[in-house]
Amino acid sequence: MEEVMTLLRKIQMELDEQKIMILKSAENVTERTTENVNKILEEKFQILDGKYEQLKGRVEYQEKRLYFLEKEARQRNIVFYGIEESEKSYFDLETAIIDFIDNNFSKKLERRDVQAAKRLGKKGEDLIQYL
């Protein structure tokens, strides 16, 4: 009986050792898996960070481009208040503006000097329109 007890204790010790080894192996597997996942996530993060920086540069470029386009569009604008609304067409509107500038300013304009002319707002009898 004593032999059986000794064998049982020996088996119990071996089982405890195996249990400890299994736990250590599980910890090692968990650590390696965590390291692999972290490495993969870091690679993906670096790719996304590179794309973000690239997009950031493109946005800055587009903002500068938009600023200069808006600046250029505003550069040639003149708004006149109180010009009579007798025009029937674009040609008449352009003529009215050229005549107004010729009569009220020392600058003489020709049709080629006017890039575009348009009315701001709706045409009305009692309203003063901006041209």
Foldseek 3Di string as FASTA:
>chain_A
DVVVVVVVVVVVVVVVVVVVVVVVVVVVVVVVVVVVVVVVVVVVVVVVVVVVVVVVVVVVVVVVVVVVVVVVVVPPDDKDKQQDDPDDDQVSQLVSVQVVCVVPHVDHDDSVVDPGDDWDDDDDDPDITID
